Amino acid sequence: MAVSDFRYLRLPGSGRRLVSVTRLWLGEDHLLQVERHSFGEDYRRFYFREIKLIVTQRTNRGRNMNIVFGVLTALLLLAIWASRSSVWEAWLVPAVCLGVLLISNALKGPTCVTRVHTAAQTAEIYSLNRLRRAHRVIDRLRPLIERAQGHDSTAPRPAGAPVEG
């Protein structure tokens, strides 16, 4: 197969870290995590045949951010309300910005940490940091992983078998 024939499909989401942005790409037989730094890129491949487990764990990060944004917005709105002079206009811009961040974060839904386990490594998938997005991507990957490992994804699960995702 020629290199130009190989196609990657970008999966939803991006993970932002202190100095990098991470995206997840779907290849024919693997996932590719690309972490872009200001000075280069790091690549990590996860072949479907080697994936043992994908774990998604809900975190409180989104809720904590909502609490911080909400408290700061409330304090700024209180300062605006208590202001007797034209100073209130100076408090309005940060209050609106924090309110927009609060609403945006709340609409994105709960946060999570997603990890891929293989025989050789356990790696965090930074772009799957929201629960809904992680579940959608895992549901999309499940049949590909099962096919690569020789499992029948249409077969009924045994009674009492755990359901991933």
C-alpha atoms as a PDB file:
ATOM      1  CA  MET A   1       0.000   0.000   0.000  1.00  0.00           C
ATOM      2  CA  ALA A   2       1.356   3.404  -0.931  1.00  0.00           C
ATOM      3  CA  VAL A   3       1.703   5.995   1.791  1.00  0.00           C
ATOM      4  CA  SER A   4      -0.663   8.341  -0.049  1.00  0.00           C
ATOM      5  CA  ASP A   5      -3.405   5.655   0.015  1.00  0.00           C
ATOM      6  CA  PHE A   6      -3.392   5.527   3.801  1.00  0.00           C
ATOM      7  CA  ARG A   7      -6.081   7.685   5.372  1.00  0.00           C
ATOM      8  CA  TYR A   8      -6.614   8.847   8.932  1.00  0.00           C
ATOM      9  CA  LEU A   9      -9.917  10.018  10.325  1.00  0.00           C
ATOM     10  CA  ARG A  10      -9.777  12.619  13.077  1.00  0.00           C
ATOM     11  CA  LEU A  11     -11.827  11.574  16.090  1.00  0.00           C
ATOM     12  CA  PRO A  12     -13.738  14.201  18.104  1.00  0.00           C
ATOM     13  CA  GLY A  13     -12.116  16.212  20.833  1.00  0.00           C
ATOM     14  CA  SER A  14      -8.804  17.701  21.714  1.00  0.00           C
ATOM     15  CA  GLY A  15      -6.896  17.592  24.942  1.00  0.00           C
ATOM     16  CA  ARG A  16      -5.137  20.740  26.008  1.00  0.00           C
ATOM     17  CA  ARG A  17      -2.230  20.508  28.371  1.00  0.00           C
ATOM     18  CA  LEU A  18       0.091  23.202  29.640  1.00  0.00           C
ATOM     19  CA  VAL A  19       2.243  23.448  26.499  1.00  0.00           C
ATOM     20  CA  SER A  20       0.601  21.023  24.064  1.00  0.00           C
ATOM     21  CA  VAL A  21      -2.583  20.022  22.262  1.00  0.00           C
ATOM     22  CA  THR A  22      -3.465  16.360  21.768  1.00  0.00           C
ATOM     23  CA  ARG A  23      -5.713  14.868  19.098  1.00  0.00           C
ATOM     24  CA  LEU A  24      -6.784  11.304  18.375  1.00  0.00           C
ATOM     25  CA  TRP A  25      -6.808   9.858  14.851  1.00  0.00           C
ATOM     26  CA  LEU A  26      -8.344   6.607  13.603  1.00  0.00           C
ATOM     27  CA  GLY A  27      -6.207   4.491  11.272  1.00  0.00           C
ATOM     28  CA  GLU A  28      -7.100   1.242   9.526  1.00  0.00           C
ATOM     29  CA  ASP A  29      -5.807  -0.982  12.310  1.00  0.00           C
ATOM     30  CA  HIS A  30      -4.803   1.431  15.065  1.00  0.00           C
ATOM     31  CA  LEU A  31      -5.411   4.647  16.965  1.00  0.00           C
ATOM     32  CA  LEU A  32      -2.854   7.410  16.642  1.00  0.00           C
ATOM     33  CA  GLN A  33      -2.487   9.992  19.398  1.00  0.00           C
ATOM     34  CA  VAL A  34      -0.700  13.124  18.193  1.00  0.00           C
ATOM     35  CA  GLU A  35       0.583  15.521  20.825  1.00  0.00           C
ATOM     36  CA  ARG A  36       1.674  18.807  19.271  1.00  0.00           C
ATOM     37  CA  HIS A  37       4.105  21.003  21.186  1.00  0.00           C
ATOM     38  CA  SER A  38       5.358  24.401  20.182  1.00  0.00           C
ATOM     39  CA  PHE A  39       8.616  22.684  19.220  1.00  0.00           C
ATOM     40  CA  GLY A  40       7.426  19.449  17.605  1.00  0.00           C
ATOM     41  CA  GLU A  41       5.052  16.504  17.766  1.00  0.00           C
ATOM     42  CA  ASP A  42       4.952  13.202  19.627  1.00  0.00           C
ATOM     43  CA  TYR A  43       3.135  10.187  18.208  1.00  0.00           C
ATOM     44  CA  ARG A  44       1.753   7.184  20.028  1.00  0.00           C
ATOM     45  CA  ARG A  45       0.140   4.234  18.246  1.00  0.00           C
ATOM     46  CA  PHE A  46      -2.320   1.801  19.776  1.00  0.00           C
ATOM     47  CA  TYR A  47      -2.994  -1.213  17.536  1.00  0.00           C
ATOM     48  CA  PHE A  48      -6.506  -2.610  17.888  1.00  0.00           C
ATOM     49  CA  ARG A  49      -5.166  -6.162  18.219  1.00  0.00           C
ATOM     50  CA  GLU A  50      -3.073  -5.096  21.255  1.00  0.00           C
ATOM     51  CA  ILE A  51      -5.680  -3.072  23.177  1.00  0.00           C
ATOM     52  CA  LYS A  52      -6.701  -4.959  26.301  1.00  0.00           C
ATOM     53  CA  LEU A  53      -8.894  -2.367  27.956  1.00  0.00           C
ATOM     54  CA  ILE A  54     -10.162   1.189  27.580  1.00  0.00           C
ATOM     55  CA  VAL A  55     -11.089   2.711  30.936  1.00  0.00           C
ATOM     56  CA  THR A  56     -13.092   5.881  31.407  1.00  0.00           C
ATOM     57  CA  GLN A  57     -13.198   7.325  34.916  1.00  0.00           C
ATOM     58  CA  ARG A  58     -15.413  10.270  35.766  1.00  0.00           C
ATOM     59  CA  THR A  59     -13.632  13.181  37.475  1.00  0.00           C
ATOM     60  CA  ASN A  60     -14.721  16.231  39.468  1.00  0.00           C
ATOM     61  CA  ARG A  61     -12.600  18.642  37.422  1.00  0.00           C
ATOM     62  CA  GLY A  62     -15.564  20.045  35.442  1.00  0.00           C
ATOM     63  CA  ARG A  63     -17.700  20.448  38.552  1.00  0.00           C
ATOM     64  CA  ASN A  64     -14.853  22.177  40.387  1.00  0.00           C
ATOM     65  CA  MET A  65     -14.306  24.543  37.466  1.00  0.00           C
ATOM     66  CA  ASN A  66     -18.041  25.349  37.493  1.00  0.00           C
ATOM     67  CA  ILE A  67     -17.864  26.128  41.215  1.00  0.00           C
ATOM     68  CA  VAL A  68     -14.894  28.466  40.714  1.00  0.00           C
ATOM     69  CA  PHE A  69     -16.479  30.196  37.701  1.00  0.00           C
ATOM     70  CA  GLY A  70     -19.818  30.477  39.522  1.00  0.00           C
ATOM     71  CA  VAL A  71     -18.352  31.938  42.721  1.00  0.00           C
ATOM     72  CA  LEU A  72     -16.224  34.453  40.818  1.00  0.00           C
ATOM     73  CA  THR A  73     -19.171  35.456  38.625  1.00  0.00           C
ATOM     74  CA  ALA A  74     -21.378  35.872  41.699  1.00  0.00           C
ATOM     75  CA  LEU A  75     -18.739  38.000  43.439  1.00  0.00           C
ATOM     76  CA  LEU A  76     -18.374  40.232  40.394  1.00  0.00           C
ATOM     77  CA  LEU A  77     -22.149  40.570  40.047  1.00  0.00           C
ATOM     78  CA  LEU A  78     -22.330  41.460  43.738  1.00  0.00           C
ATOM     79  CA  ALA A  79     -19.636  44.108  43.205  1.00  0.00           C
ATOM     80  CA  ILE A  80     -21.622  45.495  40.261  1.00  0.00           C
ATOM     81  CA  TRP A  81     -24.814  45.582  42.309  1.00  0.00           C
ATOM     82  CA  ALA A  82     -23.104  47.241  45.295  1.00  0.00           C
ATOM     83  CA  SER A  83     -21.274  49.791  43.152  1.00  0.00           C
ATOM     84  CA  ARG A  84     -22.637  53.320  43.446  1.00  0.00           C
ATOM     85  CA  SER A  85     -20.547  54.938  40.722  1.00  0.00           C
ATOM     86  CA  SER A  86     -19.666  54.204  37.121  1.00  0.00           C
ATOM     87  CA  VAL A  87     -17.083  51.656  38.286  1.00  0.00           C
ATOM     88  CA  TRP A  88     -19.644  48.895  37.728  1.00  0.00           C
ATOM     89  CA  GLU A  89     -18.871  48.989  34.006  1.00  0.00           C
ATOM     90  CA  ALA A  90     -15.324  47.827  34.716  1.00  0.00           C
ATOM     91  CA  TRP A  91     -16.677  44.768  36.561  1.00  0.00           C
ATOM     92  CA  LEU A  92     -19.169  43.888  33.826  1.00  0.00           C
ATOM     93  CA  VAL A  93     -16.668  42.575  31.259  1.00  0.00           C
ATOM     94  CA  PRO A  94     -14.996  40.003  33.554  1.00  0.00           C
ATOM     95  CA  ALA A  95     -18.406  38.991  34.946  1.00  0.00           C
ATOM     96  CA  VAL A  96     -19.737  38.304  31.450  1.00  0.00           C
ATOM     97  CA  CYS A  97     -16.556  36.423  30.464  1.00  0.00           C
ATOM     98  CA  LEU A  98     -16.735  34.212  33.547  1.00  0.00           C
ATOM     99  CA  GLY A  99     -20.454  33.655  32.981  1.00  0.00           C
ATOM    100  CA  VAL A 100     -19.769  32.515  29.417  1.00  0.00           C
ATOM    101  CA  LEU A 101     -17.046  30.147  30.673  1.00  0.00           C
ATOM    102  CA  LEU A 102     -19.454  28.775  33.291  1.00  0.00           C
ATOM    103  CA  ILE A 103     -22.217  28.118  30.754  1.00  0.00           C
ATOM    104  CA  SER A 104     -19.798  26.678  28.187  1.00  0.00           C
ATOM    105  CA  ASN A 105     -18.237  24.303  30.703  1.00  0.00           C
ATOM    106  CA  ALA A 106     -21.633  23.204  32.012  1.00  0.00           C
ATOM    107  CA  LEU A 107     -22.900  22.471  28.489  1.00  0.00           C
ATOM    108  CA  LYS A 108     -19.867  20.335  27.656  1.00  0.00           C
ATOM    109  CA  GLY A 109     -20.868  17.907  30.386  1.00  0.00           C
ATOM    110  CA  PRO A 110     -18.971  15.951  33.020  1.00  0.00           C
ATOM    111  CA  THR A 111     -15.223  15.455  32.744  1.00  0.00           C
ATOM    112  CA  CYS A 112     -13.341  12.184  32.751  1.00  0.00           C
ATOM    113  CA  VAL A 113      -9.960  10.553  32.347  1.00  0.00           C
ATOM    114  CA  THR A 114      -9.637   7.911  29.625  1.00  0.00           C
ATOM    115  CA  ARG A 115      -6.813   5.387  29.568  1.00  0.00           C
ATOM    116  CA  VAL A 116      -5.867   2.714  27.037  1.00  0.00           C
ATOM    117  CA  HIS A 117      -4.274  -0.432  28.440  1.00  0.00           C
ATOM    118  CA  THR A 118      -2.126  -2.709  26.298  1.00  0.00           C
ATOM    119  CA  ALA A 119       0.267  -5.461  27.321  1.00  0.00           C
ATOM    120  CA  ALA A 120       3.171  -3.016  27.069  1.00  0.00           C
ATOM    121  CA  GLN A 121       1.762   0.253  28.398  1.00  0.00           C
ATOM    122  CA  THR A 122      -1.035   2.225  29.956  1.00  0.00           C
ATOM    123  CA  ALA A 123      -1.534   5.620  28.367  1.00  0.00           C
ATOM    124  CA  GLU A 124      -3.922   8.471  28.987  1.00  0.00           C
ATOM    125  CA  ILE A 125      -5.935   9.651  25.989  1.00  0.00           C
ATOM    126  CA  TYR A 126      -6.066  13.374  26.665  1.00  0.00           C
ATOM    127  CA  SER A 127      -8.542  14.211  23.903  1.00  0.00           C
ATOM    128  CA  LEU A 128     -11.243  12.028  25.485  1.00  0.00           C
ATOM    129  CA  ASN A 129     -11.695  14.261  28.530  1.00  0.00           C
ATOM    130  CA  ARG A 130     -15.489  14.626  28.463  1.00  0.00           C
ATOM    131  CA  LEU A 131     -17.715  11.695  29.365  1.00  0.00           C
ATOM    132  CA  ARG A 132     -20.174  11.947  26.456  1.00  0.00           C
ATOM    133  CA  ARG A 133     -17.393  12.268  23.885  1.00  0.00           C
ATOM    134  CA  ALA A 134     -15.446   9.365  25.405  1.00  0.00           C
ATOM    135  CA  HIS A 135     -18.495   7.090  25.325  1.00  0.00           C
ATOM    136  CA  ARG A 136     -19.232   8.008  21.689  1.00  0.00           C
ATOM    137  CA  VAL A 137     -15.663   7.289  20.595  1.00  0.00           C
ATOM    138  CA  ILE A 138     -15.431   4.037  22.583  1.00  0.00           C
ATOM    139  CA  ASP A 139     -18.725   2.857  21.074  1.00  0.00           C
ATOM    140  CA  ARG A 140     -17.269   3.568  17.645  1.00  0.00           C
ATOM    141  CA  LEU A 141     -13.999   1.752  18.427  1.00  0.00           C
ATOM    142  CA  ARG A 142     -15.500  -1.325  20.105  1.00  0.00           C
ATOM    143  CA  PRO A 143     -16.452  -3.199  16.895  1.00  0.00           C
ATOM    144  CA  LEU A 144     -13.089  -2.362  15.284  1.00  0.00           C
ATOM    145  CA  ILE A 145     -11.174  -3.677  18.299  1.00  0.00           C
ATOM    146  CA  GLU A 146     -13.329  -6.802  18.549  1.00  0.00           C
ATOM    147  CA  ARG A 147     -12.920  -7.514  14.824  1.00  0.00           C
ATOM    148  CA  ALA A 148      -9.119  -7.090  15.047  1.00  0.00           C
ATOM    149  CA  GLN A 149      -9.002  -9.456  18.025  1.00  0.00           C
ATOM    150  CA  GLY A 150     -11.284 -12.044  16.433  1.00  0.00           C
ATOM    151  CA  HIS A 151     -14.342 -11.455  18.617  1.00  0.00           C
ATOM    152  CA  ASP A 152     -17.874 -11.326  17.249  1.00  0.00           C
ATOM    153  CA  SER A 153     -19.358  -7.963  18.253  1.00  0.00           C
ATOM    154  CA  THR A 154     -22.862  -9.107  17.268  1.00  0.00           C
ATOM    155  CA  ALA A 155     -22.842 -12.111  19.593  1.00  0.00           C
ATOM    156  CA  PRO A 156     -24.893 -11.690  22.775  1.00  0.00           C
ATOM    157  CA  ARG A 157     -22.900 -11.086  25.932  1.00  0.00           C
ATOM    158  CA  PRO A 158     -22.962 -13.802  28.590  1.00  0.00           C
ATOM    159  CA  ALA A 159     -25.187 -13.164  31.583  1.00  0.00           C
ATOM    160  CA  GLY A 160     -23.369 -11.084  34.168  1.00  0.00           C
ATOM    161  CA  ALA A 161     -20.651  -9.969  31.733  1.00  0.00           C
ATOM    162  CA  PRO A 162     -19.570  -6.379  32.312  1.00  0.00           C
ATOM    163  CA  VAL A 163     -20.491  -3.821  29.692  1.00  0.00           C
ATOM    164  CA  GLU A 164     -17.671  -1.405  28.924  1.00  0.00           C
ATOM    165  CA  GLY A 165     -18.128   2.289  28.185  1.00  0.00           C
END
